[in-house]
């Protein structure tokens, strides 16, 4: 994470753990404990664990916090350090490596109630998002646009953005993700 990153913006970080053979169940129990502990911290927006694919023991966690400061409180906390010590005999890496900071559509594609999730391919995310944007845009055109004639042209997209973004994030995309679950996350 860059020191120049804005601390007032939400942050999503990705960590990967390579779990020792035969320690998978113990690691998953530890992951649940860690997620529960992180959820107690101010600004925690959620965490998703991605189980490894076949012939792999690499687990990935995606943490979401509302600000860099709140993430750093979790990262530097005593409880997190205690939990990391518990994981030393479960994984090959003593501390997880930070891979990347993500801010894209991946964060829209989490199933409610799921601890582990692997984001679908980007082309599927694009199609699902388009399916979600259509009813949101239609709603805007039918309900809001008739009242927008007095609003200056340059402000109309601001109104659209302020209405559509929360609608997409909290209503439309969670339902689209559930509706398209079998296509987005096919069972092998």
N, C-alpha and C. Protein backbone atom coordinates (compact mmCIF):
# COMPACT_ATOMS: atom_id res chain seq x y z
N UNK A 1 0.85 -1.16 0.00
CA UNK A 1 0.00 0.00 0.00
C UNK A 1 0.89 1.22 0.00
N UNK A 2 0.61 2.16 -0.81
CA UNK A 2 1.40 3.38 -0.94
C UNK A 2 1.16 4.29 0.25
N UNK A 3 2.25 4.95 0.72
CA UNK A 3 2.11 5.92 1.79
C UNK A 3 1.30 7.12 1.33
N UNK A 4 1.25 7.33 0.01
CA UNK A 4 0.53 8.48 -0.54
C UNK A 4 -0.95 8.20 -0.73
N UNK A 5 -1.37 6.94 -0.46
CA UNK A 5 -2.78 6.59 -0.63
C UNK A 5 -3.64 7.45 0.29
N UNK A 6 -4.76 7.87 -0.21
CA UNK A 6 -5.66 8.67 0.60
C UNK A 6 -6.15 7.86 1.77
N UNK A 7 -6.04 8.43 2.96
CA UNK A 7 -6.45 7.71 4.15
C UNK A 7 -7.93 7.83 4.41
N UNK A 8 -8.64 8.71 3.69
CA UNK A 8 -10.06 8.90 3.90
C UNK A 8 -10.90 8.02 2.99
N UNK A 9 -10.28 7.29 2.09
CA UNK A 9 -11.01 6.44 1.17
C UNK A 9 -11.04 5.00 1.67
N UNK A 10 -12.06 4.22 1.29
CA UNK A 10 -12.09 2.81 1.66
C UNK A 10 -10.88 2.08 1.11
N UNK A 11 -10.47 1.05 1.82
CA UNK A 11 -9.31 0.28 1.41
C UNK A 11 -9.68 -1.20 1.41
N UNK A 12 -9.27 -1.89 0.35
CA UNK A 12 -9.47 -3.32 0.23
C UNK A 12 -8.10 -3.93 0.00
N UNK A 13 -7.71 -4.85 0.88
CA UNK A 13 -6.39 -5.46 0.78
C UNK A 13 -6.52 -6.97 0.66
N UNK A 14 -5.55 -7.55 -0.04
CA UNK A 14 -5.56 -8.98 -0.31
C UNK A 14 -4.31 -9.61 0.30
N UNK A 15 -4.51 -10.68 1.07
CA UNK A 15 -3.41 -11.43 1.67
C UNK A 15 -3.54 -12.89 1.25
N UNK A 16 -2.41 -13.56 1.08
CA UNK A 16 -2.43 -14.99 0.72
C UNK A 16 -1.62 -15.78 1.74
N UNK A 17 -2.14 -16.95 2.10
CA UNK A 17 -1.48 -17.86 3.04
C UNK A 17 -1.28 -19.20 2.35
N UNK A 18 -0.11 -19.77 2.43
CA UNK A 18 0.13 -21.12 1.95
C UNK A 18 0.10 -22.05 3.16
N UNK A 19 -0.96 -22.86 3.26
CA UNK A 19 -1.22 -23.68 4.43
C UNK A 19 -0.47 -25.01 4.31
N UNK A 20 0.07 -25.45 5.44
CA UNK A 20 0.79 -26.73 5.48
C UNK A 20 -0.18 -27.88 5.24
N UNK A 21 0.31 -28.91 4.59
CA UNK A 21 -0.50 -30.08 4.28
C UNK A 21 -1.04 -30.70 5.57
N UNK A 22 -2.33 -31.01 5.56
CA UNK A 22 -2.99 -31.61 6.71
C UNK A 22 -3.46 -30.60 7.74
N UNK A 23 -3.16 -29.33 7.55
CA UNK A 23 -3.54 -28.29 8.51
C UNK A 23 -4.71 -27.45 8.02
N UNK A 24 -5.34 -27.87 6.92
CA UNK A 24 -6.39 -27.07 6.29
C UNK A 24 -7.57 -26.79 7.22
N UNK A 25 -8.07 -27.82 7.90
CA UNK A 25 -9.24 -27.64 8.79
C UNK A 25 -8.90 -26.72 9.96
N UNK A 26 -7.72 -26.91 10.55
CA UNK A 26 -7.30 -26.04 11.65
C UNK A 26 -7.13 -24.61 11.16
N UNK A 27 -6.60 -24.45 9.95
CA UNK A 27 -6.43 -23.11 9.40
C UNK A 27 -7.79 -22.45 9.16
N UNK A 28 -8.76 -23.21 8.66
CA UNK A 28 -10.08 -22.64 8.41
C UNK A 28 -10.75 -22.21 9.72
N UNK A 29 -10.56 -22.98 10.79
CA UNK A 29 -11.08 -22.56 12.10
C UNK A 29 -10.40 -21.28 12.56
N UNK A 30 -9.08 -21.20 12.36
CA UNK A 30 -8.32 -20.00 12.69
C UNK A 30 -8.83 -18.82 11.85
N UNK A 31 -9.11 -19.04 10.57
CA UNK A 31 -9.60 -17.98 9.69
C UNK A 31 -10.93 -17.42 10.19
N UNK A 32 -11.82 -18.30 10.64
CA UNK A 32 -13.10 -17.84 11.20
C UNK A 32 -12.87 -16.98 12.44
N UNK A 33 -11.96 -17.43 13.32
CA UNK A 33 -11.64 -16.67 14.53
C UNK A 33 -11.06 -15.30 14.18
N UNK A 34 -10.18 -15.27 13.19
CA UNK A 34 -9.55 -14.02 12.76
C UNK A 34 -10.56 -13.06 12.16
N UNK A 35 -11.45 -13.58 11.33
CA UNK A 35 -12.48 -12.75 10.72
C UNK A 35 -13.40 -12.15 11.78
N UNK A 36 -13.76 -12.96 12.76
CA UNK A 36 -14.61 -12.47 13.85
C UNK A 36 -13.90 -11.36 14.62
N UNK A 37 -12.61 -11.54 14.90
CA UNK A 37 -11.84 -10.52 15.62
C UNK A 37 -11.76 -9.23 14.80
N UNK A 38 -11.49 -9.34 13.50
CA UNK A 38 -11.38 -8.15 12.65
C UNK A 38 -12.71 -7.40 12.59
N UNK A 39 -13.81 -8.13 12.62
CA UNK A 39 -15.12 -7.49 12.51
C UNK A 39 -15.45 -6.60 13.71
N UNK A 40 -14.72 -6.76 14.80
CA UNK A 40 -14.94 -5.95 16.00
C UNK A 40 -14.26 -4.59 15.90
N UNK A 41 -13.44 -4.38 14.88
CA UNK A 41 -12.69 -3.14 14.76
C UNK A 41 -13.49 -2.09 14.00
N UNK A 42 -13.35 -0.85 14.44
CA UNK A 42 -14.03 0.28 13.80
C UNK A 42 -13.66 0.35 12.32
N UNK A 43 -14.66 0.57 11.49
CA UNK A 43 -14.42 0.75 10.07
C UNK A 43 -14.35 -0.54 9.28
N UNK A 44 -14.47 -1.69 9.93
CA UNK A 44 -14.42 -2.97 9.22
C UNK A 44 -15.66 -3.11 8.36
N UNK A 45 -15.47 -3.32 7.06
CA UNK A 45 -16.58 -3.42 6.12
C UNK A 45 -16.83 -4.85 5.66
N UNK A 46 -15.95 -5.77 6.04
CA UNK A 46 -16.15 -7.17 5.67
C UNK A 46 -14.85 -7.84 5.29
N UNK A 47 -14.92 -9.16 5.25
CA UNK A 47 -13.77 -9.97 4.84
C UNK A 47 -14.30 -11.20 4.11
N UNK A 48 -13.60 -11.59 3.07
CA UNK A 48 -13.95 -12.79 2.32
C UNK A 48 -12.73 -13.68 2.24
N UNK A 49 -12.92 -14.95 2.58
CA UNK A 49 -11.85 -15.94 2.46
C UNK A 49 -12.10 -16.74 1.20
N UNK A 50 -11.06 -16.94 0.42
CA UNK A 50 -11.14 -17.72 -0.81
C UNK A 50 -10.37 -19.00 -0.58
N UNK A 51 -11.10 -20.12 -0.65
CA UNK A 51 -10.46 -21.41 -0.47
C UNK A 51 -9.62 -21.74 -1.70
N UNK A 52 -8.60 -22.57 -1.51
CA UNK A 52 -7.73 -22.89 -2.64
C UNK A 52 -8.43 -23.75 -3.68
N UNK A 53 -7.92 -23.64 -4.92
CA UNK A 53 -8.40 -24.51 -5.99
C UNK A 53 -7.74 -25.88 -5.81
N UNK A 54 -8.17 -26.84 -6.59
CA UNK A 54 -7.63 -28.20 -6.51
C UNK A 54 -6.10 -28.16 -6.63
N UNK A 55 -5.45 -29.04 -5.90
CA UNK A 55 -3.99 -29.17 -5.90
C UNK A 55 -3.27 -27.92 -5.40
N UNK A 56 -3.92 -27.15 -4.57
CA UNK A 56 -3.31 -25.95 -4.01
C UNK A 56 -3.71 -25.87 -2.54
N UNK A 57 -2.88 -25.23 -1.75
CA UNK A 57 -3.20 -24.99 -0.35
C UNK A 57 -3.06 -23.49 -0.03
N UNK A 58 -3.23 -22.65 -1.06
CA UNK A 58 -3.11 -21.20 -0.89
C UNK A 58 -4.49 -20.60 -0.63
N UNK A 59 -4.66 -20.07 0.56
CA UNK A 59 -5.89 -19.39 0.95
C UNK A 59 -5.68 -17.89 0.79
N UNK A 60 -6.72 -17.20 0.37
CA UNK A 60 -6.64 -15.76 0.20
C UNK A 60 -7.73 -15.10 1.04
N UNK A 61 -7.40 -13.99 1.66
CA UNK A 61 -8.40 -13.21 2.39
C UNK A 61 -8.42 -11.80 1.80
N UNK A 62 -9.62 -11.28 1.68
CA UNK A 62 -9.81 -9.91 1.21
C UNK A 62 -10.45 -9.15 2.37
N UNK A 63 -9.72 -8.18 2.91
CA UNK A 63 -10.22 -7.35 3.99
C UNK A 63 -10.67 -6.01 3.43
N UNK A 64 -11.79 -5.52 3.96
CA UNK A 64 -12.30 -4.22 3.55
C UNK A 64 -12.47 -3.35 4.79
N UNK A 65 -11.88 -2.16 4.75
CA UNK A 65 -12.02 -1.18 5.82
C UNK A 65 -12.39 0.17 5.21
N UNK A 66 -13.05 1.00 6.00
CA UNK A 66 -13.51 2.29 5.47
C UNK A 66 -12.38 3.30 5.29
N UNK A 67 -11.30 3.17 6.05
CA UNK A 67 -10.15 4.08 5.90
C UNK A 67 -8.86 3.30 6.13
N UNK A 68 -7.77 3.86 5.66
CA UNK A 68 -6.46 3.26 5.88
C UNK A 68 -6.14 3.24 7.37
N UNK A 69 -6.49 4.32 8.08
CA UNK A 69 -6.20 4.37 9.52
C UNK A 69 -6.89 3.23 10.25
N UNK A 70 -8.16 2.97 9.93
CA UNK A 70 -8.87 1.89 10.61
C UNK A 70 -8.28 0.52 10.25
N UNK A 71 -7.85 0.36 9.00
CA UNK A 71 -7.17 -0.89 8.65
C UNK A 71 -5.88 -1.03 9.45
N UNK A 72 -5.12 0.05 9.55
CA UNK A 72 -3.85 -0.01 10.27
C UNK A 72 -4.05 -0.33 11.75
N UNK A 73 -5.16 0.14 12.33
CA UNK A 73 -5.46 -0.21 13.73
C UNK A 73 -5.61 -1.73 13.86
N UNK A 74 -6.32 -2.33 12.90
CA UNK A 74 -6.46 -3.78 12.91
C UNK A 74 -5.11 -4.45 12.66
N UNK A 75 -4.41 -4.00 11.66
CA UNK A 75 -3.15 -4.65 11.29
C UNK A 75 -2.12 -4.57 12.42
N UNK A 76 -2.11 -3.51 13.18
CA UNK A 76 -1.12 -3.34 14.25
C UNK A 76 -1.65 -3.73 15.62
N UNK A 77 -2.85 -4.30 15.67
CA UNK A 77 -3.46 -4.62 16.96
C UNK A 77 -2.81 -5.83 17.63
N UNK A 78 -2.93 -5.85 18.94
CA UNK A 78 -2.39 -6.97 19.72
C UNK A 78 -3.12 -8.27 19.39
N UNK A 79 -4.45 -8.20 19.22
CA UNK A 79 -5.20 -9.41 18.91
C UNK A 79 -4.77 -10.00 17.58
N UNK A 80 -4.51 -9.16 16.60
CA UNK A 80 -4.06 -9.67 15.30
C UNK A 80 -2.68 -10.33 15.43
N UNK A 81 -1.78 -9.71 16.19
CA UNK A 81 -0.45 -10.29 16.38
C UNK A 81 -0.55 -11.63 17.12
N UNK A 82 -1.45 -11.73 18.10
CA UNK A 82 -1.67 -12.99 18.81
C UNK A 82 -2.20 -14.05 17.84
N UNK A 83 -3.14 -13.66 17.00
CA UNK A 83 -3.70 -14.59 16.02
C UNK A 83 -2.63 -15.03 15.01
N UNK A 84 -1.77 -14.13 14.60
CA UNK A 84 -0.69 -14.49 13.67
C UNK A 84 0.24 -15.53 14.30
N UNK A 85 0.50 -15.37 15.60
CA UNK A 85 1.35 -16.36 16.28
C UNK A 85 0.68 -17.73 16.30
N UNK A 86 -0.64 -17.76 16.47
CA UNK A 86 -1.38 -19.03 16.44
C UNK A 86 -1.25 -19.72 15.09
N UNK A 87 -1.12 -18.91 14.02
CA UNK A 87 -1.08 -19.46 12.66
C UNK A 87 0.30 -19.92 12.24
N UNK A 88 1.32 -19.66 13.04
CA UNK A 88 2.69 -19.99 12.64
C UNK A 88 2.88 -21.47 12.31
N UNK A 89 2.22 -22.35 13.07
CA UNK A 89 2.39 -23.79 12.79
C UNK A 89 1.39 -24.30 11.75
N UNK A 90 0.58 -23.41 11.20
CA UNK A 90 -0.42 -23.81 10.21
C UNK A 90 -0.02 -23.48 8.78
N UNK A 91 0.86 -22.50 8.61
CA UNK A 91 1.19 -22.06 7.26
C UNK A 91 2.70 -21.95 7.08
N UNK A 92 3.12 -21.88 5.82
CA UNK A 92 4.53 -21.77 5.49
C UNK A 92 5.04 -20.34 5.63
N UNK A 93 4.17 -19.37 5.48
CA UNK A 93 4.60 -17.99 5.65
C UNK A 93 4.19 -17.51 7.02
N UNK A 94 5.14 -16.95 7.77
CA UNK A 94 4.84 -16.50 9.13
C UNK A 94 3.93 -15.30 9.14
N UNK A 95 4.06 -14.46 8.16
CA UNK A 95 3.12 -13.35 8.00
C UNK A 95 2.70 -13.33 6.54
N UNK A 96 1.43 -13.05 6.29
CA UNK A 96 0.95 -13.07 4.91
C UNK A 96 1.55 -11.92 4.11
N UNK A 97 1.66 -12.13 2.82
CA UNK A 97 2.16 -11.09 1.93
C UNK A 97 1.00 -10.27 1.41
N UNK A 98 1.15 -8.94 1.42
CA UNK A 98 0.15 -8.07 0.82
C UNK A 98 0.36 -8.14 -0.69
N UNK A 99 -0.65 -8.53 -1.40
CA UNK A 99 -0.51 -8.66 -2.85
C UNK A 99 -0.92 -7.40 -3.58
N UNK A 100 -2.08 -6.90 -3.28
CA UNK A 100 -2.58 -5.76 -4.04
C UNK A 100 -3.71 -5.07 -3.30
N UNK A 101 -3.97 -3.86 -3.70
CA UNK A 101 -5.13 -3.13 -3.22
C UNK A 101 -6.11 -3.12 -4.38
N UNK A 102 -7.33 -3.62 -4.14
CA UNK A 102 -8.31 -3.67 -5.21
C UNK A 102 -9.44 -2.70 -4.94
N UNK A 103 -9.96 -2.12 -5.99
CA UNK A 103 -11.06 -1.19 -5.85
C UNK A 103 -12.12 -1.41 -6.92
N UNK A 104 -11.98 -2.45 -7.71
CA UNK A 104 -12.85 -2.65 -8.85
C UNK A 104 -14.15 -3.35 -8.52
N UNK A 105 -14.78 -3.88 -9.54
CA UNK A 105 -16.08 -4.52 -9.41
C UNK A 105 -16.04 -5.78 -8.56
N UNK A 106 -14.84 -6.31 -8.28
CA UNK A 106 -14.74 -7.55 -7.52
C UNK A 106 -15.49 -7.45 -6.19
N UNK A 107 -15.49 -6.26 -5.60
CA UNK A 107 -16.11 -6.11 -4.29
C UNK A 107 -17.64 -6.16 -4.35
N UNK A 108 -18.23 -6.03 -5.53
CA UNK A 108 -19.68 -6.17 -5.68
C UNK A 108 -20.11 -7.63 -5.70
N UNK A 109 -19.18 -8.52 -5.99
CA UNK A 109 -19.53 -9.92 -6.23
C UNK A 109 -19.19 -10.80 -5.05
N UNK A 110 -19.85 -10.54 -3.92
CA UNK A 110 -19.73 -11.40 -2.76
C UNK A 110 -21.13 -11.85 -2.39
N UNK A 111 -21.28 -13.12 -2.11
CA UNK A 111 -22.58 -13.66 -1.75
C UNK A 111 -22.82 -13.45 -0.27
N UNK A 112 -23.98 -12.90 0.11
CA UNK A 112 -24.28 -12.71 1.53
C UNK A 112 -24.21 -14.04 2.27
N UNK A 113 -23.61 -14.01 3.45
CA UNK A 113 -23.51 -15.20 4.27
C UNK A 113 -22.38 -16.13 3.91
N UNK A 114 -21.59 -15.82 2.91
CA UNK A 114 -20.48 -16.67 2.51
C UNK A 114 -19.19 -16.14 3.08
N UNK A 115 -18.40 -17.04 3.68
CA UNK A 115 -17.10 -16.63 4.19
C UNK A 115 -16.06 -16.74 3.09
N UNK A 116 -16.20 -17.73 2.23
CA UNK A 116 -15.20 -17.92 1.19
C UNK A 116 -15.85 -17.69 -0.16
N UNK A 117 -15.17 -16.94 -0.99
CA UNK A 117 -15.70 -16.64 -2.31
C UNK A 117 -14.55 -16.36 -3.26
N UNK A 118 -14.63 -16.85 -4.46
CA UNK A 118 -13.66 -16.52 -5.50
C UNK A 118 -14.40 -15.66 -6.51
N UNK A 119 -13.89 -14.46 -6.80
CA UNK A 119 -14.60 -13.62 -7.75
C UNK A 119 -14.76 -14.32 -9.10
N UNK A 120 -15.89 -14.11 -9.76
CA UNK A 120 -16.09 -14.70 -11.09
C UNK A 120 -15.18 -14.02 -12.11
N UNK A 121 -15.06 -14.61 -13.30
CA UNK A 121 -14.26 -13.96 -14.35
C UNK A 121 -14.80 -12.55 -14.65
N UNK A 122 -13.89 -11.67 -15.04
CA UNK A 122 -14.28 -10.27 -15.28
C UNK A 122 -15.37 -10.14 -16.33
N UNK A 123 -15.35 -10.97 -17.38
CA UNK A 123 -16.37 -10.85 -18.42
C UNK A 123 -17.75 -11.16 -17.84
N UNK A 124 -17.83 -12.08 -16.87
CA UNK A 124 -19.11 -12.36 -16.24
C UNK A 124 -19.53 -11.20 -15.34
N UNK A 125 -18.55 -10.57 -14.68
CA UNK A 125 -18.87 -9.42 -13.84
C UNK A 125 -19.41 -8.27 -14.69
N UNK A 126 -18.86 -8.08 -15.88
CA UNK A 126 -19.33 -7.03 -16.77
C UNK A 126 -20.78 -7.28 -17.18
N UNK A 127 -21.10 -8.51 -17.57
CA UNK A 127 -22.46 -8.85 -17.98
C UNK A 127 -23.44 -8.68 -16.82
N UNK A 128 -23.07 -9.20 -15.64
CA UNK A 128 -23.94 -9.09 -14.48
C UNK A 128 -24.15 -7.62 -14.09
N UNK A 129 -23.10 -6.83 -14.17
CA UNK A 129 -23.21 -5.40 -13.85
C UNK A 129 -24.13 -4.70 -14.85
N UNK A 130 -24.00 -5.02 -16.12
CA UNK A 130 -24.88 -4.43 -17.14
C UNK A 130 -26.34 -4.79 -16.86
N UNK A 131 -26.57 -6.04 -16.46
CA UNK A 131 -27.93 -6.47 -16.10
C UNK A 131 -28.44 -5.65 -14.91
N UNK A 132 -27.55 -5.34 -13.97
CA UNK A 132 -27.93 -4.54 -12.81
C UNK A 132 -28.12 -3.07 -13.13
N UNK A 133 -27.30 -2.51 -14.00
CA UNK A 133 -27.39 -1.09 -14.33
C UNK A 133 -28.69 -0.78 -15.09
N UNK A 134 -29.13 -1.71 -15.92
CA UNK A 134 -30.33 -1.45 -16.73
C UNK A 134 -31.54 -1.09 -15.87
N UNK A 135 -31.93 -1.91 -14.88
CA UNK A 135 -33.10 -1.51 -14.09
C UNK A 135 -32.86 -0.25 -13.27
N UNK A 136 -31.61 -0.04 -12.81
CA UNK A 136 -31.31 1.19 -12.09
C UNK A 136 -31.46 2.41 -12.98
N UNK A 137 -30.95 2.32 -14.21
CA UNK A 137 -31.08 3.41 -15.17
C UNK A 137 -32.53 3.64 -15.56
N UNK A 138 -33.26 2.54 -15.73
CA UNK A 138 -34.68 2.64 -16.07
C UNK A 138 -35.46 3.33 -14.95
N UNK A 139 -35.17 2.93 -13.71
CA UNK A 139 -35.80 3.56 -12.54
C UNK A 139 -35.50 5.06 -12.53
N UNK A 140 -34.25 5.42 -12.76
CA UNK A 140 -33.85 6.82 -12.77
C UNK A 140 -34.61 7.58 -13.85
N UNK A 141 -34.67 7.01 -15.05
CA UNK A 141 -35.36 7.68 -16.16
C UNK A 141 -36.86 7.84 -15.89
N UNK A 142 -37.46 6.81 -15.29
CA UNK A 142 -38.91 6.85 -15.07
C UNK A 142 -39.31 7.70 -13.86
N UNK A 143 -38.54 7.65 -12.79
CA UNK A 143 -38.95 8.29 -11.55
C UNK A 143 -38.27 9.64 -11.31
N UNK A 144 -36.96 9.73 -11.58
CA UNK A 144 -36.21 10.92 -11.22
C UNK A 144 -36.08 11.91 -12.38
N UNK A 145 -35.81 11.43 -13.57
CA UNK A 145 -35.54 12.30 -14.72
C UNK A 145 -36.64 13.33 -14.98
N UNK A 146 -37.92 12.98 -14.83
CA UNK A 146 -38.95 14.00 -15.08
C UNK A 146 -38.82 15.24 -14.19
N UNK A 147 -38.19 15.10 -13.04
CA UNK A 147 -38.03 16.23 -12.12
C UNK A 147 -36.69 16.94 -12.30
N UNK A 148 -35.91 16.51 -13.27
CA UNK A 148 -34.55 17.03 -13.43
C UNK A 148 -34.45 18.18 -14.43
N UNK A 149 -35.53 18.58 -15.06
CA UNK A 149 -35.47 19.63 -16.07
C UNK A 149 -34.90 20.94 -15.53
N UNK A 150 -35.12 21.24 -14.28
CA UNK A 150 -34.64 22.49 -13.69
C UNK A 150 -33.20 22.38 -13.19
N UNK A 151 -32.69 21.17 -13.11
CA UNK A 151 -31.33 20.97 -12.62
C UNK A 151 -30.35 21.19 -13.79
N UNK A 152 -29.29 21.96 -13.56
CA UNK A 152 -28.31 22.19 -14.63
C UNK A 152 -27.75 20.88 -15.18
N UNK A 153 -27.49 20.87 -16.47
CA UNK A 153 -27.03 19.67 -17.16
C UNK A 153 -25.81 19.04 -16.49
N UNK A 154 -24.86 19.83 -16.06
CA UNK A 154 -23.63 19.29 -15.46
C UNK A 154 -23.87 18.64 -14.10
N UNK A 155 -24.97 18.97 -13.43
CA UNK A 155 -25.28 18.38 -12.13
C UNK A 155 -26.13 17.11 -12.24
N UNK A 156 -26.78 16.90 -13.36
CA UNK A 156 -27.64 15.72 -13.53
C UNK A 156 -26.87 14.40 -13.35
N UNK A 157 -25.66 14.28 -13.94
CA UNK A 157 -24.91 13.03 -13.70
C UNK A 157 -24.53 12.85 -12.23
N UNK A 158 -24.34 13.94 -11.50
CA UNK A 158 -24.03 13.85 -10.06
C UNK A 158 -25.22 13.23 -9.34
N UNK A 159 -26.42 13.70 -9.66
CA UNK A 159 -27.63 13.16 -9.04
C UNK A 159 -27.77 11.68 -9.39
N UNK A 160 -27.56 11.35 -10.66
CA UNK A 160 -27.63 9.95 -11.09
C UNK A 160 -26.64 9.10 -10.29
N UNK A 161 -25.41 9.57 -10.16
CA UNK A 161 -24.37 8.83 -9.45
C UNK A 161 -24.73 8.67 -7.98
N UNK A 162 -25.19 9.73 -7.35
CA UNK A 162 -25.53 9.66 -5.92
C UNK A 162 -26.70 8.73 -5.64
N UNK A 163 -27.61 8.61 -6.58
CA UNK A 163 -28.75 7.70 -6.41
C UNK A 163 -28.42 6.27 -6.84
N UNK A 164 -27.74 6.13 -7.97
CA UNK A 164 -27.52 4.80 -8.55
C UNK A 164 -26.44 4.00 -7.83
N UNK A 165 -25.39 4.66 -7.36
CA UNK A 165 -24.30 3.92 -6.72
C UNK A 165 -24.75 3.17 -5.46
N UNK A 166 -25.42 3.82 -4.50
CA UNK A 166 -25.90 3.05 -3.35
C UNK A 166 -26.94 2.00 -3.74
N UNK A 167 -27.80 2.33 -4.69
CA UNK A 167 -28.80 1.38 -5.15
C UNK A 167 -28.13 0.14 -5.74
N UNK A 168 -27.10 0.35 -6.54
CA UNK A 168 -26.35 -0.77 -7.13
C UNK A 168 -25.62 -1.58 -6.05
N UNK A 169 -24.97 -0.88 -5.13
CA UNK A 169 -24.14 -1.55 -4.13
C UNK A 169 -24.95 -2.32 -3.09
N UNK A 170 -26.04 -1.74 -2.62
CA UNK A 170 -26.77 -2.34 -1.51
C UNK A 170 -28.04 -3.09 -1.89
N UNK A 171 -28.59 -2.83 -3.06
CA UNK A 171 -29.85 -3.47 -3.44
C UNK A 171 -29.68 -4.33 -4.69
N UNK A 172 -29.29 -3.71 -5.79
CA UNK A 172 -29.32 -4.40 -7.08
C UNK A 172 -28.25 -5.49 -7.17
N UNK A 173 -26.97 -5.16 -6.94
CA UNK A 173 -25.91 -6.15 -7.14
C UNK A 173 -25.98 -7.33 -6.18
N UNK A 174 -26.32 -7.14 -4.90
CA UNK A 174 -26.48 -8.34 -4.06
C UNK A 174 -27.57 -9.28 -4.59
N UNK A 175 -28.67 -8.70 -5.11
CA UNK A 175 -29.74 -9.54 -5.65
C UNK A 175 -29.36 -10.16 -6.99
N UNK A 176 -28.66 -9.41 -7.85
CA UNK A 176 -28.19 -9.96 -9.13
C UNK A 176 -27.21 -11.09 -8.86
N UNK A 177 -26.31 -10.90 -7.89
CA UNK A 177 -25.33 -11.93 -7.56
C UNK A 177 -26.03 -13.19 -7.08
N UNK A 178 -27.05 -13.04 -6.23
CA UNK A 178 -27.81 -14.22 -5.77
C UNK A 178 -28.57 -14.86 -6.93
N UNK A 179 -29.22 -14.04 -7.76
CA UNK A 179 -30.00 -14.55 -8.88
C UNK A 179 -29.13 -15.32 -9.88
N UNK A 180 -27.93 -14.82 -10.15
CA UNK A 180 -27.03 -15.43 -11.13
C UNK A 180 -25.98 -16.33 -10.48
N UNK A 181 -26.20 -16.71 -9.24
CA UNK A 181 -25.22 -17.50 -8.48
C UNK A 181 -24.71 -18.72 -9.25
N UNK A 182 -25.59 -19.50 -9.84
CA UNK A 182 -25.19 -20.71 -10.55
C UNK A 182 -24.32 -20.43 -11.75
N UNK A 183 -24.54 -19.31 -12.41
CA UNK A 183 -23.75 -18.93 -13.59
C UNK A 183 -22.44 -18.28 -13.17
N UNK A 184 -22.49 -17.40 -12.14
CA UNK A 184 -21.27 -16.72 -11.68
C UNK A 184 -20.31 -17.67 -10.98
N UNK A 185 -20.87 -18.61 -10.21
CA UNK A 185 -20.06 -19.54 -9.43
C UNK A 185 -20.49 -20.98 -9.72
N UNK A 186 -20.21 -21.47 -10.92
CA UNK A 186 -20.64 -22.83 -11.27
C UNK A 186 -19.93 -23.86 -10.41
N UNK A 187 -20.69 -24.89 -10.02
CA UNK A 187 -20.12 -26.00 -9.26
C UNK A 187 -19.39 -26.92 -10.20
N UNK A 188 -18.20 -27.35 -9.81
CA UNK A 188 -17.41 -28.23 -10.69
C UNK A 188 -17.81 -29.67 -10.48
